[in-house]
């Protein structure tokens, strides 16, 4: 059974940094692309970052140059390093895997950057 557990969210001042973690289980982690999404109140879920099985990364324009996605296959964990945080980064952040024709998300972790 696929299980994703995000952690690391917090309240942080503008310009600050956070590192989110997502511990994965129930599938062969190293063989799957992993994703970070976020959802702000009243808005649709947005894809923030992607990391492939060969560590190629891709980012939404809104976070490019500030966020870094990485993975540790030995720990079955994907990370999102977030720097220079802005109030518009406030959202619940979710990690995601597409496994056996289905999307799986964790419970999410709240990131709040006050204005």
N, C-alpha and C. Protein backbone atom coordinates (compact mmCIF):
# COMPACT_ATOMS: atom_id res chain seq x y z
N UNK A 1 0.84 -1.19 0.00
CA UNK A 1 0.00 0.00 0.00
C UNK A 1 0.88 1.25 0.00
N UNK A 2 0.59 2.15 -0.93
CA UNK A 2 1.37 3.38 -1.02
C UNK A 2 1.06 4.29 0.16
N UNK A 3 2.14 4.82 0.74
CA UNK A 3 1.99 5.72 1.88
C UNK A 3 3.00 6.85 1.72
N UNK A 4 2.50 8.09 1.79
CA UNK A 4 3.35 9.28 1.68
C UNK A 4 3.10 10.15 2.90
N UNK A 5 4.17 10.54 3.58
CA UNK A 5 4.04 11.34 4.79
C UNK A 5 4.93 12.57 4.67
N UNK A 6 4.28 13.73 4.55
CA UNK A 6 5.01 14.99 4.46
C UNK A 6 5.27 15.55 5.85
N UNK A 7 6.35 16.32 5.97
CA UNK A 7 6.67 17.00 7.22
C UNK A 7 7.54 18.21 6.92
N UNK A 8 7.67 19.08 7.91
CA UNK A 8 8.58 20.22 7.79
C UNK A 8 7.90 21.56 7.60
N UNK A 9 6.58 21.55 7.42
CA UNK A 9 5.89 22.82 7.27
C UNK A 9 5.91 23.64 8.56
N UNK A 10 5.81 24.95 8.39
CA UNK A 10 5.89 25.82 9.57
C UNK A 10 5.46 27.23 9.16
N UNK A 11 5.41 28.11 10.14
CA UNK A 11 5.22 29.54 9.88
C UNK A 11 6.62 30.15 9.80
N UNK A 12 6.90 30.85 8.71
CA UNK A 12 8.22 31.43 8.50
C UNK A 12 8.06 32.84 7.94
N UNK A 13 8.92 33.73 8.35
CA UNK A 13 8.86 35.12 7.89
C UNK A 13 9.28 35.24 6.43
N UNK A 14 8.79 36.24 5.71
CA UNK A 14 9.24 36.46 4.32
C UNK A 14 10.76 36.51 4.23
N UNK A 15 11.26 35.86 3.20
CA UNK A 15 12.71 35.78 3.02
C UNK A 15 13.34 34.59 3.70
N UNK A 16 12.58 33.89 4.52
CA UNK A 16 13.11 32.74 5.24
C UNK A 16 13.15 31.48 4.40
N UNK A 17 13.56 30.39 5.04
CA UNK A 17 13.73 29.10 4.36
C UNK A 17 13.07 27.99 5.16
N UNK A 18 12.67 26.96 4.43
CA UNK A 18 12.16 25.73 5.03
C UNK A 18 12.60 24.56 4.16
N UNK A 19 12.71 23.41 4.78
CA UNK A 19 12.92 22.19 4.02
C UNK A 19 11.81 21.21 4.35
N UNK A 20 11.06 20.84 3.34
CA UNK A 20 10.00 19.85 3.49
C UNK A 20 10.56 18.46 3.15
N UNK A 21 10.00 17.46 3.83
CA UNK A 21 10.37 16.08 3.56
C UNK A 21 9.12 15.27 3.28
N UNK A 22 9.28 14.23 2.50
CA UNK A 22 8.18 13.30 2.22
C UNK A 22 8.75 11.89 2.26
N UNK A 23 8.33 11.13 3.26
CA UNK A 23 8.75 9.74 3.39
C UNK A 23 7.77 8.85 2.65
N UNK A 24 8.29 8.01 1.78
CA UNK A 24 7.44 7.17 0.92
C UNK A 24 7.62 5.70 1.25
N UNK A 25 6.56 4.94 1.06
CA UNK A 25 6.62 3.50 1.24
C UNK A 25 5.54 2.85 0.39
N UNK A 26 5.70 1.54 0.17
CA UNK A 26 4.68 0.79 -0.56
C UNK A 26 4.92 0.66 -2.05
N UNK A 27 6.03 1.19 -2.51
CA UNK A 27 6.39 1.05 -3.93
C UNK A 27 7.90 1.18 -4.04
N UNK A 28 8.42 0.86 -5.22
CA UNK A 28 9.86 0.92 -5.43
C UNK A 28 10.26 2.35 -5.73
N UNK A 29 10.55 3.08 -4.70
CA UNK A 29 10.73 4.53 -4.75
C UNK A 29 11.68 4.97 -5.86
N UNK A 30 12.80 4.30 -5.98
CA UNK A 30 13.84 4.76 -6.92
C UNK A 30 13.39 4.69 -8.37
N UNK A 31 12.34 3.97 -8.64
CA UNK A 31 11.88 3.76 -10.01
C UNK A 31 10.77 4.70 -10.45
N UNK A 32 10.43 5.67 -9.61
CA UNK A 32 9.31 6.55 -9.90
C UNK A 32 9.69 8.02 -9.80
N UNK A 33 9.13 8.80 -10.74
CA UNK A 33 9.20 10.24 -10.61
C UNK A 33 8.43 10.64 -9.35
N UNK A 34 8.90 11.68 -8.71
CA UNK A 34 8.21 12.22 -7.54
C UNK A 34 7.91 13.70 -7.78
N UNK A 35 6.84 14.17 -7.15
CA UNK A 35 6.34 15.52 -7.39
C UNK A 35 6.00 16.19 -6.06
N UNK A 36 6.13 17.51 -6.05
CA UNK A 36 5.59 18.34 -4.98
C UNK A 36 4.52 19.24 -5.59
N UNK A 37 3.36 19.24 -4.95
CA UNK A 37 2.25 20.13 -5.30
C UNK A 37 1.99 21.05 -4.11
N UNK A 38 1.23 22.09 -4.36
CA UNK A 38 0.74 22.92 -3.27
C UNK A 38 -0.67 23.41 -3.60
N UNK A 39 -1.40 23.71 -2.53
CA UNK A 39 -2.76 24.22 -2.69
C UNK A 39 -3.01 25.32 -1.68
N UNK A 40 -3.25 26.50 -2.20
CA UNK A 40 -3.59 27.64 -1.35
C UNK A 40 -5.10 27.68 -1.16
N UNK A 41 -5.58 28.32 -0.10
CA UNK A 41 -7.02 28.39 0.16
C UNK A 41 -7.78 28.96 -1.04
N UNK A 42 -8.82 28.26 -1.45
CA UNK A 42 -9.66 28.75 -2.54
C UNK A 42 -9.07 28.58 -3.92
N UNK A 43 -7.93 27.90 -4.00
CA UNK A 43 -7.29 27.73 -5.31
C UNK A 43 -7.10 26.25 -5.63
N UNK A 44 -6.81 25.98 -6.90
CA UNK A 44 -6.58 24.62 -7.31
C UNK A 44 -5.17 24.18 -6.93
N UNK A 45 -5.01 22.87 -6.84
CA UNK A 45 -3.69 22.32 -6.54
C UNK A 45 -2.76 22.61 -7.71
N UNK A 46 -1.54 23.02 -7.38
CA UNK A 46 -0.57 23.48 -8.37
C UNK A 46 0.69 22.62 -8.30
N UNK A 47 1.18 22.17 -9.45
CA UNK A 47 2.44 21.43 -9.48
C UNK A 47 3.59 22.41 -9.29
N UNK A 48 4.43 22.12 -8.31
CA UNK A 48 5.53 23.01 -7.95
C UNK A 48 6.86 22.50 -8.49
N UNK A 49 7.12 21.20 -8.32
CA UNK A 49 8.43 20.66 -8.69
C UNK A 49 8.33 19.17 -9.01
N UNK A 50 9.20 18.74 -9.90
CA UNK A 50 9.27 17.34 -10.36
C UNK A 50 10.71 16.88 -10.29
N UNK A 51 10.91 15.63 -9.89
CA UNK A 51 12.23 15.03 -9.98
C UNK A 51 12.08 13.65 -10.61
N UNK A 52 12.89 13.39 -11.62
CA UNK A 52 12.81 12.11 -12.32
C UNK A 52 13.66 11.05 -11.61
N UNK A 53 13.63 9.85 -12.17
CA UNK A 53 14.43 8.77 -11.61
C UNK A 53 15.92 8.99 -11.82
N UNK A 54 16.28 9.86 -12.75
CA UNK A 54 17.69 10.19 -12.99
C UNK A 54 18.06 11.55 -12.42
N UNK A 55 17.22 12.06 -11.52
CA UNK A 55 17.47 13.32 -10.79
C UNK A 55 17.36 14.57 -11.66
N UNK A 56 16.74 14.46 -12.81
CA UNK A 56 16.41 15.66 -13.57
C UNK A 56 15.26 16.37 -12.86
N UNK A 57 15.35 17.68 -12.78
CA UNK A 57 14.33 18.44 -12.05
C UNK A 57 13.65 19.47 -12.95
N UNK A 58 12.44 19.83 -12.55
CA UNK A 58 11.67 20.84 -13.26
C UNK A 58 10.83 21.60 -12.24
N UNK A 59 10.65 22.91 -12.50
CA UNK A 59 9.97 23.76 -11.54
C UNK A 59 8.92 24.64 -12.19
N UNK A 60 7.91 24.99 -11.39
CA UNK A 60 6.97 26.01 -11.82
C UNK A 60 7.72 27.34 -11.89
N UNK A 61 7.30 28.19 -12.82
CA UNK A 61 7.97 29.48 -12.97
C UNK A 61 7.95 30.29 -11.67
N UNK A 62 6.91 30.12 -10.90
CA UNK A 62 6.74 30.92 -9.69
C UNK A 62 7.76 30.59 -8.60
N UNK A 63 8.41 29.43 -8.71
CA UNK A 63 9.37 29.03 -7.66
C UNK A 63 10.78 28.82 -8.21
N UNK A 64 10.95 28.94 -9.52
CA UNK A 64 12.23 28.68 -10.14
C UNK A 64 13.29 29.61 -9.55
N UNK A 65 14.44 29.03 -9.19
CA UNK A 65 15.52 29.79 -8.60
C UNK A 65 15.43 29.93 -7.09
N UNK A 66 14.29 29.55 -6.51
CA UNK A 66 14.11 29.65 -5.05
C UNK A 66 13.92 28.28 -4.40
N UNK A 67 13.30 27.36 -5.09
CA UNK A 67 13.02 26.03 -4.55
C UNK A 67 13.93 25.00 -5.23
N UNK A 68 14.28 23.96 -4.46
CA UNK A 68 15.07 22.85 -5.00
C UNK A 68 14.47 21.54 -4.53
N UNK A 69 14.15 20.67 -5.50
CA UNK A 69 13.67 19.33 -5.17
C UNK A 69 14.85 18.37 -5.25
N UNK A 70 14.86 17.41 -4.34
CA UNK A 70 15.91 16.39 -4.35
C UNK A 70 15.34 15.10 -3.78
N UNK A 71 16.08 14.03 -3.94
CA UNK A 71 15.61 12.74 -3.44
C UNK A 71 16.77 11.95 -2.88
N UNK A 72 16.45 11.10 -1.91
CA UNK A 72 17.42 10.18 -1.33
C UNK A 72 16.80 8.79 -1.46
N UNK A 73 17.26 8.05 -2.44
CA UNK A 73 16.66 6.74 -2.70
C UNK A 73 16.95 5.74 -1.58
N UNK A 74 18.05 5.95 -0.87
CA UNK A 74 18.36 5.05 0.25
C UNK A 74 17.37 5.24 1.40
N UNK A 75 16.81 6.43 1.50
CA UNK A 75 15.86 6.72 2.59
C UNK A 75 14.42 6.78 2.09
N UNK A 76 14.20 6.54 0.81
CA UNK A 76 12.85 6.62 0.24
C UNK A 76 12.18 7.96 0.58
N UNK A 77 12.95 9.01 0.41
CA UNK A 77 12.48 10.34 0.82
C UNK A 77 12.76 11.36 -0.29
N UNK A 78 11.78 12.22 -0.49
CA UNK A 78 11.94 13.36 -1.41
C UNK A 78 11.85 14.63 -0.59
N UNK A 79 12.64 15.62 -0.97
CA UNK A 79 12.74 16.88 -0.22
C UNK A 79 12.36 18.06 -1.11
N UNK A 80 11.96 19.13 -0.45
CA UNK A 80 11.77 20.40 -1.14
C UNK A 80 12.40 21.49 -0.29
N UNK A 81 13.53 21.98 -0.74
CA UNK A 81 14.19 23.10 -0.07
C UNK A 81 13.61 24.38 -0.62
N UNK A 82 13.08 25.20 0.26
CA UNK A 82 12.41 26.44 -0.14
C UNK A 82 13.15 27.62 0.47
N UNK A 83 13.67 28.48 -0.37
CA UNK A 83 14.39 29.67 0.07
C UNK A 83 13.66 30.93 -0.40
N UNK A 84 14.02 32.04 0.19
CA UNK A 84 13.44 33.34 -0.18
C UNK A 84 11.91 33.26 -0.24
N UNK A 85 11.34 32.73 0.81
CA UNK A 85 9.90 32.50 0.83
C UNK A 85 9.12 33.81 0.81
N UNK A 86 7.97 33.76 0.14
CA UNK A 86 7.11 34.92 -0.04
C UNK A 86 5.72 34.60 0.51
N UNK A 87 4.94 35.61 0.82
CA UNK A 87 3.57 35.34 1.29
C UNK A 87 2.76 34.48 0.30
N UNK A 88 3.00 34.64 -0.98
CA UNK A 88 2.26 33.87 -1.97
C UNK A 88 2.66 32.40 -2.01
N UNK A 89 3.68 32.02 -1.25
CA UNK A 89 4.03 30.61 -1.12
C UNK A 89 3.19 29.91 -0.05
N UNK A 90 2.38 30.66 0.66
CA UNK A 90 1.53 30.07 1.69
C UNK A 90 0.56 29.07 1.06
N UNK A 91 0.59 27.84 1.57
CA UNK A 91 -0.23 26.76 1.01
C UNK A 91 0.00 25.50 1.83
N UNK A 92 -0.83 24.50 1.56
CA UNK A 92 -0.54 23.15 2.01
C UNK A 92 0.26 22.47 0.91
N UNK A 93 1.38 21.88 1.28
CA UNK A 93 2.27 21.24 0.32
C UNK A 93 2.12 19.72 0.41
N UNK A 94 2.01 19.10 -0.76
CA UNK A 94 1.79 17.66 -0.85
C UNK A 94 2.86 17.03 -1.74
N UNK A 95 3.33 15.85 -1.37
CA UNK A 95 4.12 15.09 -2.32
C UNK A 95 3.19 14.10 -3.04
N UNK A 96 3.65 13.64 -4.17
CA UNK A 96 2.78 12.86 -5.07
C UNK A 96 3.60 11.84 -5.84
N UNK A 97 2.97 10.69 -6.07
CA UNK A 97 3.51 9.69 -6.98
C UNK A 97 2.37 9.13 -7.81
N UNK A 98 2.65 8.85 -9.06
CA UNK A 98 1.67 8.19 -9.94
C UNK A 98 2.08 6.74 -10.04
N UNK A 99 1.31 5.87 -9.41
CA UNK A 99 1.68 4.47 -9.26
C UNK A 99 0.51 3.60 -9.67
N UNK A 100 0.77 2.68 -10.59
CA UNK A 100 -0.26 1.75 -11.06
C UNK A 100 -1.53 2.50 -11.44
N UNK A 101 -1.33 3.54 -12.30
CA UNK A 101 -2.43 4.28 -12.92
C UNK A 101 -3.26 5.09 -11.93
N UNK A 102 -2.65 5.40 -10.80
CA UNK A 102 -3.39 6.18 -9.81
C UNK A 102 -2.45 7.19 -9.16
N UNK A 103 -3.02 8.38 -8.89
CA UNK A 103 -2.29 9.41 -8.16
C UNK A 103 -2.43 9.20 -6.66
N UNK A 104 -1.30 9.29 -5.97
CA UNK A 104 -1.30 9.21 -4.52
C UNK A 104 -0.72 10.50 -3.95
N UNK A 105 -1.37 11.02 -2.92
CA UNK A 105 -0.90 12.20 -2.20
C UNK A 105 -0.83 11.87 -0.72
N UNK A 106 0.07 12.58 -0.03
CA UNK A 106 0.08 12.47 1.42
C UNK A 106 -0.98 13.38 2.04
N UNK A 107 -0.88 13.56 3.35
CA UNK A 107 -1.86 14.38 4.06
C UNK A 107 -1.55 15.87 3.96
N UNK A 108 -0.33 16.18 3.52
CA UNK A 108 0.06 17.56 3.34
C UNK A 108 0.72 18.16 4.57
N UNK A 109 1.47 19.23 4.35
CA UNK A 109 2.10 19.98 5.44
C UNK A 109 1.93 21.47 5.16
N UNK A 110 1.53 22.21 6.18
CA UNK A 110 1.17 23.62 6.00
C UNK A 110 2.41 24.51 6.05
N UNK A 111 2.53 25.35 5.05
CA UNK A 111 3.56 26.39 5.03
C UNK A 111 2.85 27.74 5.05
N UNK A 112 3.22 28.57 6.01
CA UNK A 112 2.60 29.89 6.13
C UNK A 112 3.68 30.96 6.14
N UNK A 113 3.55 31.91 5.23
CA UNK A 113 4.46 33.04 5.15
C UNK A 113 3.62 34.30 5.26
N UNK A 114 3.61 34.94 6.42
CA UNK A 114 2.72 36.10 6.62
C UNK A 114 3.17 37.29 5.80
N UNK A 115 2.19 38.10 5.45
CA UNK A 115 2.51 39.32 4.68
C UNK A 115 2.74 40.51 5.60
